[in-house]
PDB file of N, CA and C in Angstrom:
ATOM      1  N   ILE A   1    -158.596 -44.007 -28.680  1.00  0.00           N
ATOM      2  CA  ILE A   1    -159.292 -44.018 -27.400  1.00  0.00           C
ATOM      3  C   ILE A   1    -160.415 -45.038 -27.470  1.00  0.00           C
ATOM      4  N   THR A   2    -161.017 -45.321 -26.342  1.00  0.00           N
ATOM      5  CA  THR A   2    -162.190 -46.186 -26.284  1.00  0.00           C
ATOM      6  C   THR A   2    -163.390 -45.321 -25.898  1.00  0.00           C
ATOM      7  N   VAL A   3    -164.434 -45.357 -26.726  1.00  0.00           N
ATOM      8  CA  VAL A   3    -165.652 -44.593 -26.465  1.00  0.00           C
ATOM      9  C   VAL A   3    -166.808 -45.573 -26.343  1.00  0.00           C
ATOM     10  N   ASN A   4    -167.418 -45.590 -25.176  1.00  0.00           N
ATOM     11  CA  ASN A   4    -168.543 -46.495 -24.909  1.00  0.00           C
ATOM     12  C   ASN A   4    -168.196 -47.937 -25.300  1.00  0.00           C
ATOM     13  N   GLY A   5    -166.972 -48.342 -24.948  1.00  0.00           N
ATOM     14  CA  GLY A   5    -166.547 -49.716 -25.168  1.00  0.00           C
ATOM     15  C   GLY A   5    -166.022 -50.023 -26.562  1.00  0.00           C
ATOM     16  N   GLU A   6    -166.020 -49.045 -27.464  1.00  0.00           N
ATOM     17  CA  GLU A   6    -165.558 -49.252 -28.840  1.00  0.00           C
ATOM     18  C   GLU A   6    -164.288 -48.444 -29.088  1.00  0.00           C
ATOM     19  N   LYS A   7    -163.289 -49.078 -29.697  1.00  0.00           N
ATOM     20  CA  LYS A   7    -162.050 -48.377 -30.048  1.00  0.00           C
ATOM     21  C   LYS A   7    -162.327 -47.387 -31.179  1.00  0.00           C
ATOM     22  N   GLU A   8    -161.755 -46.185 -31.056  1.00  0.00           N
ATOM     23  CA  GLU A   8    -161.916 -45.157 -32.083  1.00  0.00           C
ATOM     24  C   GLU A   8    -160.602 -44.429 -32.285  1.00  0.00           C
ATOM     25  N   ASP A   9    -160.345 -44.052 -33.527  1.00  0.00           N
ATOM     26  CA  ASP A   9    -159.222 -43.179 -33.834  1.00  0.00           C
ATOM     27  C   ASP A   9    -159.767 -41.759 -33.881  1.00  0.00           C
ATOM     28  N   ILE A  10    -159.085 -40.848 -33.204  1.00  0.00           N
ATOM     29  CA  ILE A  10    -159.514 -39.455 -33.209  1.00  0.00           C
ATOM     30  C   ILE A  10    -158.322 -38.571 -33.568  1.00  0.00           C
ATOM     31  N   ALA A  11    -158.617 -37.350 -33.962  1.00  0.00           N
ATOM     32  CA  ALA A  11    -157.564 -36.385 -34.271  1.00  0.00           C
ATOM     33  C   ALA A  11    -156.818 -36.010 -33.004  1.00  0.00           C
ATOM     34  N   GLU A  12    -155.515 -35.854 -33.127  1.00  0.00           N
ATOM     35  CA  GLU A  12    -154.706 -35.450 -31.981  1.00  0.00           C
ATOM     36  C   GLU A  12    -155.146 -34.064 -31.507  1.00  0.00           C
ATOM     37  N   GLY A  13    -155.273 -33.892 -30.207  1.00  0.00           N
ATOM     38  CA  GLY A  13    -155.638 -32.603 -29.632  1.00  0.00           C
ATOM     39  C   GLY A  13    -157.126 -32.328 -29.583  1.00  0.00           C
ATOM     40  N   LEU A  14    -157.941 -33.296 -30.007  1.00  0.00           N
ATOM     41  CA  LEU A  14    -159.391 -33.120 -29.998  1.00  0.00           C
ATOM     42  C   LEU A  14    -159.882 -32.913 -28.570  1.00  0.00           C
ATOM     43  N   THR A  15    -160.788 -31.944 -28.398  1.00  0.00           N
ATOM     44  CA  THR A  15    -161.356 -31.741 -27.068  1.00  0.00           C
ATOM     45  C   THR A  15    -162.605 -32.605 -26.903  1.00  0.00           C
ATOM     46  N   LEU A  16    -162.976 -32.786 -25.669  1.00  0.00           N
ATOM     47  CA  LEU A  16    -164.196 -33.540 -25.367  1.00  0.00           C
ATOM     48  C   LEU A  16    -165.403 -32.851 -25.990  1.00  0.00           C
ATOM     49  N   LEU A  17    -165.457 -31.529 -25.930  1.00  0.00           N
ATOM     50  CA  LEU A  17    -166.567 -30.789 -26.526  1.00  0.00           C
ATOM     51  C   LEU A  17    -166.626 -31.018 -28.029  1.00  0.00           C
ATOM     52  N   GLU A  18    -165.488 -30.995 -28.695  1.00  0.00           N
ATOM     53  CA  GLU A  18    -165.461 -31.214 -30.147  1.00  0.00           C
ATOM     54  C   GLU A  18    -165.965 -32.612 -30.497  1.00  0.00           C
ATOM     55  N   LEU A  19    -165.587 -33.607 -29.720  1.00  0.00           N
ATOM     56  CA  LEU A  19    -166.044 -34.968 -29.980  1.00  0.00           C
ATOM     57  C   LEU A  19    -167.557 -35.075 -29.781  1.00  0.00           C
ATOM     58  N   ILE A  20    -168.066 -34.474 -28.723  1.00  0.00           N
ATOM     59  CA  ILE A  20    -169.503 -34.510 -28.445  1.00  0.00           C
ATOM     60  C   ILE A  20    -170.271 -33.833 -29.574  1.00  0.00           C
ATOM     61  N   GLU A  21    -169.819 -32.660 -29.988  1.00  0.00           N
ATOM     62  CA  GLU A  21    -170.503 -31.934 -31.061  1.00  0.00           C
ATOM     63  C   GLU A  21    -170.397 -32.667 -32.393  1.00  0.00           C
ATOM     64  N   ALA A  22    -169.267 -33.332 -32.659  1.00  0.00           N
ATOM     65  CA  ALA A  22    -169.101 -34.086 -33.903  1.00  0.00           C
ATOM     66  C   ALA A  22    -170.086 -35.248 -33.986  1.00  0.00           C
ATOM     67  N   ARG A  23    -170.533 -35.722 -32.839  1.00  0.00           N
ATOM     68  CA  ARG A  23    -171.524 -36.796 -32.805  1.00  0.00           C
ATOM     69  C   ARG A  23    -172.950 -36.265 -32.904  1.00  0.00           C
ATOM     70  N   GLY A  24    -173.093 -34.950 -33.015  1.00  0.00           N
ATOM     71  CA  GLY A  24    -174.409 -34.342 -33.138  1.00  0.00           C
ATOM     72  C   GLY A  24    -175.169 -34.263 -31.827  1.00  0.00           C
ATOM     73  N   LEU A  25    -174.425 -34.326 -30.721  1.00  0.00           N
ATOM     74  CA  LEU A  25    -175.058 -34.282 -29.404  1.00  0.00           C
ATOM     75  C   LEU A  25    -174.999 -32.876 -28.834  1.00  0.00           C
ATOM     76  N   ALA A  26    -176.018 -32.511 -28.078  1.00  0.00           N
ATOM     77  CA  ALA A  26    -176.030 -31.229 -27.374  1.00  0.00           C
ATOM     78  C   ALA A  26    -175.267 -31.415 -26.066  1.00  0.00           C
ATOM     79  N   PRO A  27    -174.215 -30.647 -25.852  1.00  0.00           N
ATOM     80  CA  PRO A  27    -173.395 -30.825 -24.647  1.00  0.00           C
ATOM     81  C   PRO A  27    -174.181 -30.765 -23.341  1.00  0.00           C
ATOM     82  N   ASN A  28    -175.260 -29.999 -23.321  1.00  0.00           N
ATOM     83  CA  ASN A  28    -176.050 -29.887 -22.087  1.00  0.00           C
ATOM     84  C   ASN A  28    -176.920 -31.108 -21.817  1.00  0.00           C
ATOM     85  N   THR A  29    -176.904 -32.092 -22.732  1.00  0.00           N
ATOM     86  CA  THR A  29    -177.668 -33.328 -22.524  1.00  0.00           C
ATOM     87  C   THR A  29    -176.751 -34.535 -22.348  1.00  0.00           C
ATOM     88  N   VAL A  30    -175.449 -34.281 -22.166  1.00  0.00           N
ATOM     89  CA  VAL A  30    -174.457 -35.358 -22.093  1.00  0.00           C
ATOM     90  C   VAL A  30    -173.788 -35.383 -20.726  1.00  0.00           C
ATOM     91  N   VAL A  31    -173.613 -36.596 -20.207  1.00  0.00           N
ATOM     92  CA  VAL A  31    -172.751 -36.813 -19.052  1.00  0.00           C
ATOM     93  C   VAL A  31    -171.551 -37.589 -19.568  1.00  0.00           C
ATOM     94  N   ALA A  32    -170.347 -37.111 -19.220  1.00  0.00           N
ATOM     95  CA  ALA A  32    -169.124 -37.741 -19.701  1.00  0.00           C
ATOM     96  C   ALA A  32    -168.300 -38.257 -18.529  1.00  0.00           C
ATOM     97  N   GLU A  33    -167.834 -39.506 -18.680  1.00  0.00           N
ATOM     98  CA  GLU A  33    -166.923 -40.108 -17.712  1.00  0.00           C
ATOM     99  C   GLU A  33    -165.642 -40.423 -18.459  1.00  0.00           C
ATOM    100  N   LEU A  34    -164.559 -39.758 -18.078  1.00  0.00           N
ATOM    101  CA  LEU A  34    -163.271 -39.933 -18.720  1.00  0.00           C
ATOM    102  C   LEU A  34    -162.317 -40.580 -17.736  1.00  0.00           C
ATOM    103  N   ASN A  35    -161.840 -41.775 -18.099  1.00  0.00           N
ATOM    104  CA  ASN A  35    -160.923 -42.526 -17.232  1.00  0.00           C
ATOM    105  C   ASN A  35    -161.483 -42.663 -15.817  1.00  0.00           C
ATOM    106  N   PHE A  36    -162.769 -42.976 -15.740  1.00  0.00           N
ATOM    107  CA  PHE A  36    -163.492 -43.260 -14.500  1.00  0.00           C
ATOM    108  C   PHE A  36    -163.768 -42.037 -13.633  1.00  0.00           C
ATOM    109  N   ASP A  37    -163.589 -40.838 -14.191  1.00  0.00           N
ATOM    110  CA  ASP A  37    -163.928 -39.605 -13.484  1.00  0.00           C
ATOM    111  C   ASP A  37    -164.979 -38.847 -14.279  1.00  0.00           C
ATOM    112  N   ILE A  38    -166.017 -38.360 -13.596  1.00  0.00           N
ATOM    113  CA  ILE A  38    -167.038 -37.541 -14.249  1.00  0.00           C
ATOM    114  C   ILE A  38    -166.420 -36.190 -14.599  1.00  0.00           C
ATOM    115  N   VAL A  39    -166.664 -35.736 -15.830  1.00  0.00           N
ATOM    116  CA  VAL A  39    -166.168 -34.438 -16.280  1.00  0.00           C
ATOM    117  C   VAL A  39    -167.337 -33.455 -16.234  1.00  0.00           C
ATOM    118  N   PRO A  40    -167.210 -32.363 -15.485  1.00  0.00           N
ATOM    119  CA  PRO A  40    -168.280 -31.360 -15.462  1.00  0.00           C
ATOM    120  C   PRO A  40    -168.497 -30.769 -16.858  1.00  0.00           C
ATOM    121  N   ALA A  41    -169.735 -30.530 -17.219  1.00  0.00           N
ATOM    122  CA  ALA A  41    -170.059 -30.016 -18.556  1.00  0.00           C
ATOM    123  C   ALA A  41    -169.302 -28.735 -18.877  1.00  0.00           C
ATOM    124  N   GLN A  42    -169.108 -27.878 -17.892  1.00  0.00           N
ATOM    125  CA  GLN A  42    -168.411 -26.618 -18.150  1.00  0.00           C
ATOM    126  C   GLN A  42    -166.929 -26.828 -18.476  1.00  0.00           C
ATOM    127  N   ALA A  43    -166.407 -28.027 -18.264  1.00  0.00           N
ATOM    128  CA  ALA A  43    -165.002 -28.325 -18.553  1.00  0.00           C
ATOM    129  C   ALA A  43    -164.813 -29.039 -19.891  1.00  0.00           C
ATOM    130  N   PHE A  44    -165.884 -29.386 -20.599  1.00  0.00           N
ATOM    131  CA  PHE A  44    -165.768 -30.150 -21.845  1.00  0.00           C
ATOM    132  C   PHE A  44    -164.782 -29.503 -22.825  1.00  0.00           C
ATOM    133  N   ALA A  45    -164.818 -28.179 -22.969  1.00  0.00           N
ATOM    134  CA  ALA A  45    -163.964 -27.489 -23.942  1.00  0.00           C
ATOM    135  C   ALA A  45    -162.497 -27.482 -23.513  1.00  0.00           C
ATOM    136  N   ASP A  46    -162.229 -27.690 -22.241  1.00  0.00           N
ATOM    137  CA  ASP A  46    -160.861 -27.636 -21.719  1.00  0.00           C
ATOM    138  C   ASP A  46    -160.176 -29.002 -21.664  1.00  0.00           C
ATOM    139  N   VAL A  47    -160.950 -30.068 -21.836  1.00  0.00           N
ATOM    140  CA  VAL A  47    -160.407 -31.420 -21.690  1.00  0.00           C
ATOM    141  C   VAL A  47    -159.975 -31.942 -23.054  1.00  0.00           C
ATOM    142  N   ARG A  48    -158.675 -32.196 -23.188  1.00  0.00           N
ATOM    143  CA  ARG A  48    -158.132 -32.779 -24.423  1.00  0.00           C
ATOM    144  C   ARG A  48    -158.077 -34.294 -24.268  1.00  0.00           C
ATOM    145  N   LEU A  49    -158.484 -34.990 -25.314  1.00  0.00           N
ATOM    146  CA  LEU A  49    -158.475 -36.448 -25.297  1.00  0.00           C
ATOM    147  C   LEU A  49    -157.098 -36.942 -25.740  1.00  0.00           C
ATOM    148  N   ASN A  50    -156.637 -37.999 -25.092  1.00  0.00           N
ATOM    149  CA  ASN A  50    -155.296 -38.534 -25.326  1.00  0.00           C
ATOM    150  C   ASN A  50    -155.359 -40.023 -25.663  1.00  0.00           C
ATOM    151  N   PRO A  51    -154.337 -40.527 -26.375  1.00  0.00           N
ATOM    152  CA  PRO A  51    -154.292 -41.966 -26.668  1.00  0.00           C
ATOM    153  C   PRO A  51    -154.425 -42.771 -25.374  1.00  0.00           C
ATOM    154  N   GLY A  52    -155.215 -43.826 -25.438  1.00  0.00           N
ATOM    155  CA  GLY A  52    -155.399 -44.700 -24.288  1.00  0.00           C
ATOM    156  C   GLY A  52    -156.535 -44.295 -23.369  1.00  0.00           C
ATOM    157  N   ASP A  53    -157.130 -43.118 -23.610  1.00  0.00           N
ATOM    158  CA  ASP A  53    -158.247 -42.683 -22.773  1.00  0.00           C
ATOM    159  C   ASP A  53    -159.438 -43.617 -22.929  1.00  0.00           C
ATOM    160  N   SER A  54    -160.207 -43.712 -21.853  1.00  0.00           N
ATOM    161  CA  SER A  54    -161.465 -44.457 -21.851  1.00  0.00           C
ATOM    162  C   SER A  54    -162.580 -43.469 -21.548  1.00  0.00           C
ATOM    163  N   LEU A  55    -163.529 -43.365 -22.473  1.00  0.00           N
ATOM    164  CA  LEU A  55    -164.599 -42.385 -22.362  1.00  0.00           C
ATOM    165  C   LEU A  55    -165.947 -43.076 -22.438  1.00  0.00           C
ATOM    166  N   GLU A  56    -166.820 -42.710 -21.523  1.00  0.00           N
ATOM    167  CA  GLU A  56    -168.213 -43.157 -21.568  1.00  0.00           C
ATOM    168  C   GLU A  56    -169.077 -41.920 -21.706  1.00  0.00           C
ATOM    169  N   LEU A  57    -169.957 -41.924 -22.701  1.00  0.00           N
ATOM    170  CA  LEU A  57    -170.890 -40.821 -22.902  1.00  0.00           C
ATOM    171  C   LEU A  57    -172.304 -41.308 -22.690  1.00  0.00           C
ATOM    172  N   LEU A  58    -173.029 -40.620 -21.856  1.00  0.00           N
ATOM    173  CA  LEU A  58    -174.453 -40.887 -21.656  1.00  0.00           C
ATOM    174  C   LEU A  58    -175.210 -39.700 -22.183  1.00  0.00           C
ATOM    175  N   HIS A  59    -176.195 -39.963 -23.039  1.00  0.00           N
ATOM    176  CA  HIS A  59    -176.968 -38.898 -23.682  1.00  0.00           C
ATOM    177  C   HIS A  59    -178.414 -39.008 -23.228  1.00  0.00           C
ATOM    178  N   PHE A  60    -178.915 -37.958 -22.652  1.00  0.00           N
ATOM    179  CA  PHE A  60    -180.288 -37.942 -22.160  1.00  0.00           C
ATOM    180  C   PHE A  60    -181.228 -37.412 -23.226  1.00  0.00           C
ATOM    181  N   VAL A  61    -182.340 -38.119 -23.399  1.00  0.00           N
ATOM    182  CA  VAL A  61    -183.341 -37.754 -24.386  1.00  0.00           C
ATOM    183  C   VAL A  61    -184.655 -37.566 -23.656  1.00  0.00           C
ATOM    184  N   GLY A  62    -185.306 -36.433 -23.924  1.00  0.00           N
ATOM    185  CA  GLY A  62    -186.604 -36.176 -23.314  1.00  0.00           C
ATOM    186  C   GLY A  62    -187.705 -36.904 -24.067  1.00  0.00           C
ATOM    187  N   GLY A  63    -188.808 -37.029 -23.432  1.00  0.00           N
ATOM    188  CA  GLY A  63    -189.954 -37.689 -24.078  1.00  0.00           C
ATOM    189  C   GLY A  63    -190.985 -38.035 -23.032  1.00  0.00           C
ATOM    190  N   GLY A  64    -192.046 -38.612 -23.493  1.00  0.00           N
ATOM    191  CA  GLY A  64    -193.057 -38.929 -22.508  1.00  0.00           C
ATOM    192  C   GLY A  64    -194.063 -39.881 -22.953  1.00  0.00           C
TER     193      GLY A  64
END
């Protein structure tokens, strides 16, 4: 798949939630766009990633 413009090999059947957590990100701070569609956070665990997918992850960080 392509993640944020970079090609990556992932395990077959990996969910979006598993990928987000493997990156050490808190799912409630991530916006995900899969194949040009926004994925609601509550659906992360139900979305399986497939070969050829294009994923953009935006991670929000607090601060001041």
